[in-house]
Structure formats: C-alpha cells, structure tokens
Amino acid sequence: MGLLTNLYCKPANVENIVRKAGRAEGRIQGVHFRVFVRNSARELGVTGWIKNMKDGSVVMELQGASQIIEQLIEKIKKGKGRINVTNLELADLPVTEGEIDFAIKR
C-alpha cells in the first residue's frame, strides 16, 4: 500500500466511537463551565456541543473514542476553579457522522 491509500483508510477504532448526551447540575453557570468543557473536549479530540438551559442546568453531547469520553466525563465531574458539578446524567446516543468540532451553543 502506498501513502495515498493509507490516507483514505478508516481508523481502526471507528467501532469504538460513542456519543453521550449529558445534563449537568450544580454551580455551572457564570463560572465558565461551557468554556472549560469545550476546551477540554478540543484538547482530547472530542466533538459535540454544550448549552446553558433556563433551569440552571447545562446540556451537552460528547462524541469520541469511548476511553477518551470517559476521561472527559471524569474531568467534567472534577471541575476546575469555582465549577462544582453536583449531578451529571448521561445517556447513549447514535454517533453523528461528519462532526468535526466541539461548539458552545447559545
């Protein structure tokens, strides 16, 4: 196989890609929680989005390799600075094809 052929091969871990819906509660609005999650997701190569809700919770969708998603979930639970996640509910979702970034939704 040549170099060009290898560029078009699917990664070996494609079947390991998962997508999770999440809803976080706690001290998470007004403390840069969405920016923290977005930056953490981008550092880990996770795609998806995050959004503040009127009830004070934050919803998100996270997509990536299952082990990486677990790392991000642990980082979210731990928080940073004034961020204090008291509850994080997660559910499995179908993978979204073609997603390339992690965004903050308004």
PDB file of N, CA and C in Angstrom:
ATOM      1  N   MET A   1       0.830  -1.202   0.000  1.00  0.00           N
ATOM      2  CA  MET A   1       0.000   0.000   0.000  1.00  0.00           C
ATOM      3  C   MET A   1       0.861   1.247   0.000  1.00  0.00           C
ATOM      4  N   GLY A   2       0.452   2.205  -0.768  1.00  0.00           N
ATOM      5  CA  GLY A   2       1.169   3.464  -0.801  1.00  0.00           C
ATOM      6  C   GLY A   2       0.626   4.441   0.226  1.00  0.00           C
ATOM      7  N   LEU A   3       1.285   5.562   0.366  1.00  0.00           N
ATOM      8  CA  LEU A   3       0.889   6.580   1.327  1.00  0.00           C
ATOM      9  C   LEU A   3      -0.520   7.081   1.061  1.00  0.00           C
ATOM     10  N   LEU A   4      -0.868   7.349  -0.191  1.00  0.00           N
ATOM     11  CA  LEU A   4      -2.199   7.853  -0.502  1.00  0.00           C
ATOM     12  C   LEU A   4      -3.288   6.859  -0.132  1.00  0.00           C
ATOM     13  N   THR A   5      -3.047   5.593  -0.339  1.00  0.00           N
ATOM     14  CA  THR A   5      -4.027   4.577   0.041  1.00  0.00           C
ATOM     15  C   THR A   5      -4.259   4.607   1.543  1.00  0.00           C
ATOM     16  N   ASN A   6      -3.192   4.736   2.329  1.00  0.00           N
ATOM     17  CA  ASN A   6      -3.319   4.761   3.783  1.00  0.00           C
ATOM     18  C   ASN A   6      -4.093   5.973   4.277  1.00  0.00           C
ATOM     19  N   LEU A   7      -4.009   7.075   3.577  1.00  0.00           N
ATOM     20  CA  LEU A   7      -4.730   8.277   3.983  1.00  0.00           C
ATOM     21  C   LEU A   7      -6.245   8.096   3.930  1.00  0.00           C
ATOM     22  N   TYR A   8      -6.709   7.198   3.084  1.00  0.00           N
ATOM     23  CA  TYR A   8      -8.143   7.024   2.915  1.00  0.00           C
ATOM     24  C   TYR A   8      -8.703   5.830   3.670  1.00  0.00           C
ATOM     25  N   CYS A   9      -7.881   5.163   4.459  1.00  0.00           N
ATOM     26  CA  CYS A   9      -8.357   4.042   5.269  1.00  0.00           C
ATOM     27  C   CYS A   9      -9.061   4.585   6.511  1.00  0.00           C
ATOM     28  N   LYS A  10     -10.120   3.892   6.923  1.00  0.00           N
ATOM     29  CA  LYS A  10     -10.798   4.283   8.160  1.00  0.00           C
ATOM     30  C   LYS A  10      -9.897   3.942   9.340  1.00  0.00           C
ATOM     31  N   PRO A  11      -9.918   4.771  10.397  1.00  0.00           N
ATOM     32  CA  PRO A  11      -9.148   4.444  11.586  1.00  0.00           C
ATOM     33  C   PRO A  11      -9.626   3.106  12.163  1.00  0.00           C
ATOM     34  N   ALA A  12      -8.714   2.384  12.781  1.00  0.00           N
ATOM     35  CA  ALA A  12      -9.030   1.066  13.317  1.00  0.00           C
ATOM     36  C   ALA A  12     -10.055   1.124  14.437  1.00  0.00           C
ATOM     37  N   ASN A  13     -10.164   2.252  15.124  1.00  0.00           N
ATOM     38  CA  ASN A  13     -11.051   2.327  16.270  1.00  0.00           C
ATOM     39  C   ASN A  13     -12.410   2.963  15.967  1.00  0.00           C
ATOM     40  N   VAL A  14     -12.830   2.993  14.706  1.00  0.00           N
ATOM     41  CA  VAL A  14     -14.110   3.611  14.352  1.00  0.00           C
ATOM     42  C   VAL A  14     -15.253   2.963  15.124  1.00  0.00           C
ATOM     43  N   GLU A  15     -15.199   1.651  15.321  1.00  0.00           N
ATOM     44  CA  GLU A  15     -16.270   0.977  16.048  1.00  0.00           C
ATOM     45  C   GLU A  15     -16.257   1.329  17.530  1.00  0.00           C
ATOM     46  N   ASN A  16     -15.201   1.973  17.993  1.00  0.00           N
ATOM     47  CA  ASN A  16     -15.049   2.365  19.390  1.00  0.00           C
ATOM     48  C   ASN A  16     -15.600   3.771  19.656  1.00  0.00           C
ATOM     49  N   ILE A  17     -16.118   4.427  18.638  1.00  0.00           N
ATOM     50  CA  ILE A  17     -16.652   5.786  18.778  1.00  0.00           C
ATOM     51  C   ILE A  17     -18.035   5.714  19.420  1.00  0.00           C
ATOM     52  N   VAL A  18     -18.243   6.578  20.427  1.00  0.00           N
ATOM     53  CA  VAL A  18     -19.526   6.646  21.118  1.00  0.00           C
ATOM     54  C   VAL A  18     -19.982   8.098  21.172  1.00  0.00           C
ATOM     55  N   ARG A  19     -21.279   8.278  21.428  1.00  0.00           N
ATOM     56  CA  ARG A  19     -21.846   9.607  21.632  1.00  0.00           C
ATOM     57  C   ARG A  19     -22.697   9.557  22.885  1.00  0.00           C
ATOM     58  N   LYS A  20     -22.523  10.538  23.745  1.00  0.00           N
ATOM     59  CA  LYS A  20     -23.248  10.609  25.010  1.00  0.00           C
ATOM     60  C   LYS A  20     -23.990  11.932  25.105  1.00  0.00           C
ATOM     61  N   ALA A  21     -25.234  11.855  25.562  1.00  0.00           N
ATOM     62  CA  ALA A  21     -25.981  13.050  25.939  1.00  0.00           C
ATOM     63  C   ALA A  21     -25.750  13.248  27.430  1.00  0.00           C
ATOM     64  N   GLY A  22     -25.538  14.485  27.836  1.00  0.00           N
ATOM     65  CA  GLY A  22     -25.309  14.751  29.249  1.00  0.00           C
ATOM     66  C   GLY A  22     -26.094  15.953  29.728  1.00  0.00           C
ATOM     67  N   ARG A  23     -26.464  15.912  30.999  1.00  0.00           N
ATOM     68  CA  ARG A  23     -27.120  17.047  31.657  1.00  0.00           C
ATOM     69  C   ARG A  23     -26.410  17.233  32.995  1.00  0.00           C
ATOM     70  N   ALA A  24     -25.784  18.394  33.172  1.00  0.00           N
ATOM     71  CA  ALA A  24     -25.038  18.695  34.389  1.00  0.00           C
ATOM     72  C   ALA A  24     -25.811  19.686  35.244  1.00  0.00           C
ATOM     73  N   GLU A  25     -25.680  19.503  36.546  1.00  0.00           N
ATOM     74  CA  GLU A  25     -26.276  20.419  37.510  1.00  0.00           C
ATOM     75  C   GLU A  25     -25.226  20.781  38.547  1.00  0.00           C
ATOM     76  N   GLY A  26     -25.429  21.904  39.221  1.00  0.00           N
ATOM     77  CA  GLY A  26     -24.502  22.373  40.237  1.00  0.00           C
ATOM     78  C   GLY A  26     -24.172  23.829  39.998  1.00  0.00           C
ATOM     79  N   ARG A  27     -23.002  24.258  40.466  1.00  0.00           N
ATOM     80  CA  ARG A  27     -22.540  25.623  40.192  1.00  0.00           C
ATOM     81  C   ARG A  27     -21.793  25.562  38.868  1.00  0.00           C
ATOM     82  N   ILE A  28     -22.566  25.754  37.781  1.00  0.00           N
ATOM     83  CA  ILE A  28     -22.011  25.550  36.446  1.00  0.00           C
ATOM     84  C   ILE A  28     -22.339  26.687  35.483  1.00  0.00           C
ATOM     85  N   GLN A  29     -23.173  27.615  35.903  1.00  0.00           N
ATOM     86  CA  GLN A  29     -23.428  28.783  35.057  1.00  0.00           C
ATOM     87  C   GLN A  29     -22.787  29.997  35.708  1.00  0.00           C
ATOM     88  N   GLY A  30     -22.161  30.830  34.884  1.00  0.00           N
ATOM     89  CA  GLY A  30     -21.477  32.016  35.390  1.00  0.00           C
ATOM     90  C   GLY A  30     -20.080  31.730  35.925  1.00  0.00           C
ATOM     91  N   VAL A  31     -19.559  30.506  35.675  1.00  0.00           N
ATOM     92  CA  VAL A  31     -18.228  30.133  36.157  1.00  0.00           C
ATOM     93  C   VAL A  31     -17.358  29.571  35.023  1.00  0.00           C
ATOM     94  N   HIS A  32     -17.747  29.851  33.782  1.00  0.00           N
ATOM     95  CA  HIS A  32     -17.002  29.437  32.585  1.00  0.00           C
ATOM     96  C   HIS A  32     -16.973  27.920  32.388  1.00  0.00           C
ATOM     97  N   PHE A  33     -18.040  27.242  32.849  1.00  0.00           N
ATOM     98  CA  PHE A  33     -18.136  25.791  32.701  1.00  0.00           C
ATOM     99  C   PHE A  33     -18.161  25.372  31.242  1.00  0.00           C
ATOM    100  N   ARG A  34     -18.958  26.062  30.414  1.00  0.00           N
ATOM    101  CA  ARG A  34     -19.040  25.677  28.998  1.00  0.00           C
ATOM    102  C   ARG A  34     -17.690  25.830  28.305  1.00  0.00           C
ATOM    103  N   VAL A  35     -16.967  26.896  28.608  1.00  0.00           N
ATOM    104  CA  VAL A  35     -15.638  27.105  28.018  1.00  0.00           C
ATOM    105  C   VAL A  35     -14.680  26.018  28.505  1.00  0.00           C
ATOM    106  N   PHE A  36     -14.742  25.673  29.782  1.00  0.00           N
ATOM    107  CA  PHE A  36     -13.913  24.604  30.345  1.00  0.00           C
ATOM    108  C   PHE A  36     -14.174  23.279  29.627  1.00  0.00           C
ATOM    109  N   VAL A  37     -15.445  22.938  29.431  1.00  0.00           N
ATOM    110  CA  VAL A  37     -15.780  21.676  28.763  1.00  0.00           C
ATOM    111  C   VAL A  37     -15.354  21.722  27.297  1.00  0.00           C
ATOM    112  N   ARG A  38     -15.637  22.841  26.610  1.00  0.00           N
ATOM    113  CA  ARG A  38     -15.233  22.949  25.204  1.00  0.00           C
ATOM    114  C   ARG A  38     -13.724  22.807  25.045  1.00  0.00           C
ATOM    115  N   ASN A  39     -12.968  23.529  25.853  1.00  0.00           N
ATOM    116  CA  ASN A  39     -11.510  23.466  25.742  1.00  0.00           C
ATOM    117  C   ASN A  39     -10.985  22.069  26.073  1.00  0.00           C
ATOM    118  N   SER A  40     -11.553  21.453  27.092  1.00  0.00           N
ATOM    119  CA  SER A  40     -11.149  20.096  27.467  1.00  0.00           C
ATOM    120  C   SER A  40     -11.478  19.113  26.348  1.00  0.00           C
ATOM    121  N   ALA A  41     -12.664  19.264  25.761  1.00  0.00           N
ATOM    122  CA  ALA A  41     -13.073  18.379  24.665  1.00  0.00           C
ATOM    123  C   ALA A  41     -12.138  18.537  23.471  1.00  0.00           C
ATOM    124  N   ARG A  42     -11.835  19.766  23.113  1.00  0.00           N
ATOM    125  CA  ARG A  42     -10.945  20.002  21.970  1.00  0.00           C
ATOM    126  C   ARG A  42      -9.554  19.437  22.224  1.00  0.00           C
ATOM    127  N   GLU A  43      -9.039  19.573  23.451  1.00  0.00           N
ATOM    128  CA  GLU A  43      -7.722  19.020  23.784  1.00  0.00           C
ATOM    129  C   GLU A  43      -7.695  17.510  23.605  1.00  0.00           C
ATOM    130  N   LEU A  44      -8.820  16.860  23.896  1.00  0.00           N
ATOM    131  CA  LEU A  44      -8.903  15.398  23.822  1.00  0.00           C
ATOM    132  C   LEU A  44      -9.365  14.893  22.457  1.00  0.00           C
ATOM    133  N   GLY A  45      -9.743  15.800  21.561  1.00  0.00           N
ATOM    134  CA  GLY A  45     -10.223  15.395  20.245  1.00  0.00           C
ATOM    135  C   GLY A  45     -11.673  14.948  20.236  1.00  0.00           C
ATOM    136  N   VAL A  46     -12.457  15.421  21.205  1.00  0.00           N
ATOM    137  CA  VAL A  46     -13.879  15.085  21.313  1.00  0.00           C
ATOM    138  C   VAL A  46     -14.688  16.126  20.561  1.00  0.00           C
ATOM    139  N   THR A  47     -15.718  15.675  19.853  1.00  0.00           N
ATOM    140  CA  THR A  47     -16.620  16.589  19.159  1.00  0.00           C
ATOM    141  C   THR A  47     -17.952  16.636  19.905  1.00  0.00           C
ATOM    142  N   GLY A  48     -18.798  17.604  19.516  1.00  0.00           N
ATOM    143  CA  GLY A  48     -20.116  17.729  20.124  1.00  0.00           C
ATOM    144  C   GLY A  48     -20.462  19.173  20.381  1.00  0.00           C
ATOM    145  N   TRP A  49     -21.255  19.386  21.425  1.00  0.00           N
ATOM    146  CA  TRP A  49     -21.689  20.738  21.769  1.00  0.00           C
ATOM    147  C   TRP A  49     -22.121  20.800  23.226  1.00  0.00           C
ATOM    148  N   ILE A  50     -22.293  22.051  23.724  1.00  0.00           N
ATOM    149  CA  ILE A  50     -22.728  22.292  25.095  1.00  0.00           C
ATOM    150  C   ILE A  50     -23.598  23.543  25.114  1.00  0.00           C
ATOM    151  N   LYS A  51     -24.614  23.560  25.992  1.00  0.00           N
ATOM    152  CA  LYS A  51     -25.560  24.679  26.010  1.00  0.00           C
ATOM    153  C   LYS A  51     -26.140  24.881  27.408  1.00  0.00           C
ATOM    154  N   ASN A  52     -26.224  26.165  27.847  1.00  0.00           N
ATOM    155  CA  ASN A  52     -26.909  26.517  29.089  1.00  0.00           C
ATOM    156  C   ASN A  52     -28.412  26.368  28.915  1.00  0.00           C
ATOM    157  N   MET A  53     -29.091  25.921  29.971  1.00  0.00           N
ATOM    158  CA  MET A  53     -30.545  25.826  29.974  1.00  0.00           C
ATOM    159  C   MET A  53     -31.122  26.847  30.948  1.00  0.00           C
ATOM    160  N   LYS A  54     -32.367  27.235  30.718  1.00  0.00           N
ATOM    161  CA  LYS A  54     -33.008  28.251  31.569  1.00  0.00           C
ATOM    162  C   LYS A  54     -33.153  27.793  33.015  1.00  0.00           C
ATOM    163  N   ASP A  55     -33.222  26.480  33.251  1.00  0.00           N
ATOM    164  CA  ASP A  55     -33.398  25.971  34.617  1.00  0.00           C
ATOM    165  C   ASP A  55     -32.081  25.930  35.412  1.00  0.00           C
ATOM    166  N   GLY A  56     -30.988  26.418  34.824  1.00  0.00           N
ATOM    167  CA  GLY A  56     -29.699  26.458  35.504  1.00  0.00           C
ATOM    168  C   GLY A  56     -28.811  25.264  35.204  1.00  0.00           C
ATOM    169  N   SER A  57     -29.339  24.271  34.527  1.00  0.00           N
ATOM    170  CA  SER A  57     -28.536  23.108  34.146  1.00  0.00           C
ATOM    171  C   SER A  57     -27.806  23.409  32.834  1.00  0.00           C
ATOM    172  N   VAL A  58     -26.928  22.504  32.450  1.00  0.00           N
ATOM    173  CA  VAL A  58     -26.214  22.604  31.182  1.00  0.00           C
ATOM    174  C   VAL A  58     -26.331  21.253  30.486  1.00  0.00           C
ATOM    175  N   VAL A  59     -26.733  21.277  29.217  1.00  0.00           N
ATOM    176  CA  VAL A  59     -26.832  20.044  28.442  1.00  0.00           C
ATOM    177  C   VAL A  59     -25.692  19.994  27.439  1.00  0.00           C
ATOM    178  N   MET A  60     -25.313  18.763  27.068  1.00  0.00           N
ATOM    179  CA  MET A  60     -24.188  18.597  26.156  1.00  0.00           C
ATOM    180  C   MET A  60     -24.317  17.277  25.417  1.00  0.00           C
ATOM    181  N   GLU A  61     -23.617  17.188  24.301  1.00  0.00           N
ATOM    182  CA  GLU A  61     -23.419  15.936  23.599  1.00  0.00           C
ATOM    183  C   GLU A  61     -21.927  15.800  23.350  1.00  0.00           C
ATOM    184  N   LEU A  62     -21.393  14.632  23.688  1.00  0.00           N
ATOM    185  CA  LEU A  62     -19.962  14.351  23.588  1.00  0.00           C
ATOM    186  C   LEU A  62     -19.754  13.160  22.667  1.00  0.00           C
ATOM    187  N   GLN A  63     -18.831  13.269  21.719  1.00  0.00           N
ATOM    188  CA  GLN A  63     -18.569  12.165  20.790  1.00  0.00           C
ATOM    189  C   GLN A  63     -17.073  11.954  20.623  1.00  0.00           C
ATOM    190  N   GLY A  64     -16.673  10.693  20.725  1.00  0.00           N
ATOM    191  CA  GLY A  64     -15.274  10.332  20.544  1.00  0.00           C
ATOM    192  C   GLY A  64     -15.046   8.890  20.947  1.00  0.00           C
ATOM    193  N   ALA A  65     -13.791   8.510  21.000  1.00  0.00           N
ATOM    194  CA  ALA A  65     -13.436   7.156  21.438  1.00  0.00           C
ATOM    195  C   ALA A  65     -13.918   6.962  22.871  1.00  0.00           C
ATOM    196  N   SER A  66     -14.455   5.791  23.167  1.00  0.00           N
ATOM    197  CA  SER A  66     -15.083   5.558  24.474  1.00  0.00           C
ATOM    198  C   SER A  66     -14.143   5.860  25.639  1.00  0.00           C
ATOM    199  N   GLN A  67     -12.881   5.489  25.562  1.00  0.00           N
ATOM    200  CA  GLN A  67     -11.947   5.763  26.655  1.00  0.00           C
ATOM    201  C   GLN A  67     -11.709   7.262  26.827  1.00  0.00           C
ATOM    202  N   ILE A  68     -11.662   7.977  25.724  1.00  0.00           N
ATOM    203  CA  ILE A  68     -11.464   9.430  25.775  1.00  0.00           C
ATOM    204  C   ILE A  68     -12.701  10.109  26.363  1.00  0.00           C
ATOM    205  N   ILE A  69     -13.879   9.635  25.981  1.00  0.00           N
ATOM    206  CA  ILE A  69     -15.121  10.194  26.543  1.00  0.00           C
ATOM    207  C   ILE A  69     -15.139   9.985  28.054  1.00  0.00           C
ATOM    208  N   GLU A  70     -14.719   8.813  28.513  1.00  0.00           N
ATOM    209  CA  GLU A  70     -14.668   8.551  29.960  1.00  0.00           C
ATOM    210  C   GLU A  70     -13.696   9.517  30.651  1.00  0.00           C
ATOM    211  N   GLN A  71     -12.565   9.816  30.016  1.00  0.00           N
ATOM    212  CA  GLN A  71     -11.609  10.782  30.576  1.00  0.00           C
ATOM    213  C   GLN A  71     -12.253  12.163  30.697  1.00  0.00           C
ATOM    214  N   LEU A  72     -12.968  12.569  29.643  1.00  0.00           N
ATOM    215  CA  LEU A  72     -13.621  13.879  29.663  1.00  0.00           C
ATOM    216  C   LEU A  72     -14.704  13.926  30.736  1.00  0.00           C
ATOM    217  N   ILE A  73     -15.476  12.869  30.869  1.00  0.00           N
ATOM    218  CA  ILE A  73     -16.528  12.821  31.890  1.00  0.00           C
ATOM    219  C   ILE A  73     -15.918  12.985  33.284  1.00  0.00           C
ATOM    220  N   GLU A  74     -14.821  12.311  33.540  1.00  0.00           N
ATOM    221  CA  GLU A  74     -14.152  12.439  34.847  1.00  0.00           C
ATOM    222  C   GLU A  74     -13.658  13.867  35.066  1.00  0.00           C
ATOM    223  N   LYS A  75     -13.138  14.482  34.021  1.00  0.00           N
ATOM    224  CA  LYS A  75     -12.665  15.861  34.115  1.00  0.00           C
ATOM    225  C   LYS A  75     -13.832  16.810  34.406  1.00  0.00           C
ATOM    226  N   ILE A  76     -14.968  16.572  33.751  1.00  0.00           N
ATOM    227  CA  ILE A  76     -16.165  17.388  33.976  1.00  0.00           C
ATOM    228  C   ILE A  76     -16.632  17.239  35.419  1.00  0.00           C
ATOM    229  N   LYS A  77     -16.687  16.020  35.925  1.00  0.00           N
ATOM    230  CA  LYS A  77     -17.126  15.775  37.304  1.00  0.00           C
ATOM    231  C   LYS A  77     -16.205  16.443  38.314  1.00  0.00           C
ATOM    232  N   LYS A  78     -14.917  16.455  38.021  1.00  0.00           N
ATOM    233  CA  LYS A  78     -13.935  17.051  38.930  1.00  0.00           C
ATOM    234  C   LYS A  78     -14.042  18.575  38.936  1.00  0.00           C
ATOM    235  N   GLY A  79     -14.325  19.159  37.762  1.00  0.00           N
ATOM    236  CA  GLY A  79     -14.436  20.610  37.652  1.00  0.00           C
ATOM    237  C   GLY A  79     -13.091  21.301  37.714  1.00  0.00           C
ATOM    238  N   LYS A  80     -13.177  22.619  37.833  1.00  0.00           N
ATOM    239  CA  LYS A  80     -11.971  23.446  37.893  1.00  0.00           C
ATOM    240  C   LYS A  80     -12.366  24.784  38.498  1.00  0.00           C
ATOM    241  N   GLY A  81     -11.549  25.302  39.389  1.00  0.00           N
ATOM    242  CA  GLY A  81     -11.839  26.600  39.988  1.00  0.00           C
ATOM    243  C   GLY A  81     -13.170  26.579  40.728  1.00  0.00           C
ATOM    244  N   ARG A  82     -14.057  27.515  40.380  1.00  0.00           N
ATOM    245  CA  ARG A  82     -15.355  27.630  41.055  1.00  0.00           C
ATOM    246  C   ARG A  82     -16.407  26.678  40.508  1.00  0.00           C
ATOM    247  N   ILE A  83     -16.090  25.927  39.480  1.00  0.00           N
ATOM    248  CA  ILE A  83     -17.033  24.963  38.909  1.00  0.00           C
ATOM    249  C   ILE A  83     -17.254  23.834  39.910  1.00  0.00           C
ATOM    250  N   ASN A  84     -18.542  23.519  40.171  1.00  0.00           N
ATOM    251  CA  ASN A  84     -18.880  22.424  41.077  1.00  0.00           C
ATOM    252  C   ASN A  84     -20.061  21.651  40.497  1.00  0.00           C
ATOM    253  N   VAL A  85     -19.780  20.536  39.854  1.00  0.00           N
ATOM    254  CA  VAL A  85     -20.823  19.690  39.281  1.00  0.00           C
ATOM    255  C   VAL A  85     -21.328  18.773  40.387  1.00  0.00           C
ATOM    256  N   THR A  86     -22.628  18.911  40.725  1.00  0.00           N
ATOM    257  CA  THR A  86     -23.210  18.072  41.778  1.00  0.00           C
ATOM    258  C   THR A  86     -23.942  16.864  41.210  1.00  0.00           C
ATOM    259  N   ASN A  87     -24.314  16.924  39.930  1.00  0.00           N
ATOM    260  CA  ASN A  87     -25.008  15.810  39.290  1.00  0.00           C
ATOM    261  C   ASN A  87     -24.705  15.842  37.794  1.00  0.00           C
ATOM    262  N   LEU A  88     -24.411  14.669  37.239  1.00  0.00           N
ATOM    263  CA  LEU A  88     -24.190  14.548  35.795  1.00  0.00           C
ATOM    264  C   LEU A  88     -24.909  13.297  35.315  1.00  0.00           C
ATOM    265  N   GLU A  89     -25.978  13.502  34.563  1.00  0.00           N
ATOM    266  CA  GLU A  89     -26.734  12.391  33.995  1.00  0.00           C
ATOM    267  C   GLU A  89     -26.259  12.169  32.569  1.00  0.00           C
ATOM    268  N   LEU A  90     -26.085  10.899  32.196  1.00  0.00           N
ATOM    269  CA  LEU A  90     -25.573  10.558  30.865  1.00  0.00           C
ATOM    270  C   LEU A  90     -26.453   9.499  30.218  1.00  0.00           C
ATOM    271  N   ALA A  91     -26.569   9.579  28.895  1.00  0.00           N
ATOM    272  CA  ALA A  91     -27.311   8.579  28.125  1.00  0.00           C
ATOM    273  C   ALA A  91     -26.597   8.377  26.797  1.00  0.00           C
ATOM    274  N   ASP A  92     -26.709   7.170  26.252  1.00  0.00           N
ATOM    275  CA  ASP A  92     -26.110   6.863  24.957  1.00  0.00           C
ATOM    276  C   ASP A  92     -26.955   7.429  23.823  1.00  0.00           C
ATOM    277  N   LEU A  93     -26.285   7.896  22.783  1.00  0.00           N
ATOM    278  CA  LEU A  93     -26.924   8.406  21.565  1.00  0.00           C
ATOM    279  C   LEU A  93     -26.279   7.753  20.356  1.00  0.00           C
ATOM    280  N   PRO A  94     -26.956   7.788  19.202  1.00  0.00           N
ATOM    281  CA  PRO A  94     -26.302   7.341  17.963  1.00  0.00           C
ATOM    282  C   PRO A  94     -25.173   8.308  17.598  1.00  0.00           C
ATOM    283  N   VAL A  95     -24.124   7.783  16.998  1.00  0.00           N
ATOM    284  CA  VAL A  95     -22.995   8.597  16.552  1.00  0.00           C
ATOM    285  C   VAL A  95     -23.442   9.514  15.415  1.00  0.00           C
ATOM    286  N   THR A  96     -22.961  10.755  15.440  1.00  0.00           N
ATOM    287  CA  THR A  96     -23.235  11.727  14.383  1.00  0.00           C
ATOM    288  C   THR A  96     -22.063  11.713  13.404  1.00  0.00           C
ATOM    289  N   GLU A  97     -22.328  11.315  12.176  1.00  0.00           N
ATOM    290  CA  GLU A  97     -21.278  11.254  11.147  1.00  0.00           C
ATOM    291  C   GLU A  97     -20.878  12.662  10.710  1.00  0.00           C
ATOM    292  N   GLY A  98     -19.601  12.857  10.467  1.00  0.00           N
ATOM    293  CA  GLY A  98     -19.108  14.102   9.884  1.00  0.00           C
ATOM    294  C   GLY A  98     -18.899  15.249  10.841  1.00  0.00           C
ATOM    295  N   GLU A  99     -19.143  15.063  12.117  1.00  0.00           N
ATOM    296  CA  GLU A  99     -18.943  16.143  13.080  1.00  0.00           C
ATOM    297  C   GLU A  99     -17.443  16.344  13.291  1.00  0.00           C
ATOM    298  N   ILE A 100     -16.987  17.601  13.280  1.00  0.00           N
ATOM    299  CA  ILE A 100     -15.546  17.852  13.328  1.00  0.00           C
ATOM    300  C   ILE A 100     -15.092  18.790  14.452  1.00  0.00           C
ATOM    301  N   ASP A 101     -16.011  19.345  15.239  1.00  0.00           N
ATOM    302  CA  ASP A 101     -15.607  20.325  16.252  1.00  0.00           C
ATOM    303  C   ASP A 101     -16.503  20.189  17.478  1.00  0.00           C
ATOM    304  N   PHE A 102     -16.141  20.898  18.532  1.00  0.00           N
ATOM    305  CA  PHE A 102     -16.953  20.999  19.733  1.00  0.00           C
ATOM    306  C   PHE A 102     -17.362  22.448  19.870  1.00  0.00           C
ATOM    307  N   ALA A 103     -18.673  22.707  19.958  1.00  0.00           N
ATOM    308  CA  ALA A 103     -19.179  24.070  19.934  1.00  0.00           C
ATOM    309  C   ALA A 103     -19.955  24.425  21.202  1.00  0.00           C
ATOM    310  N   ILE A 104     -19.963  25.712  21.515  1.00  0.00           N
ATOM    311  CA  ILE A 104     -20.840  26.245  22.548  1.00  0.00           C
ATOM    312  C   ILE A 104     -22.074  26.785  21.835  1.00  0.00           C
ATOM    313  N   LYS A 105     -23.235  26.231  22.181  1.00  0.00           N
ATOM    314  CA  LYS A 105     -24.499  26.707  21.601  1.00  0.00           C
ATOM    315  C   LYS A 105     -25.079  27.776  22.493  1.00  0.00           C
ATOM    316  N   ARG A 106     -25.707  28.731  21.880  1.00  0.00           N
ATOM    317  CA  ARG A 106     -26.348  29.827  22.614  1.00  0.00           C
ATOM    318  C   ARG A 106     -27.846  29.644  22.647  1.00  0.00           C
TER     319      ARG A 106
END
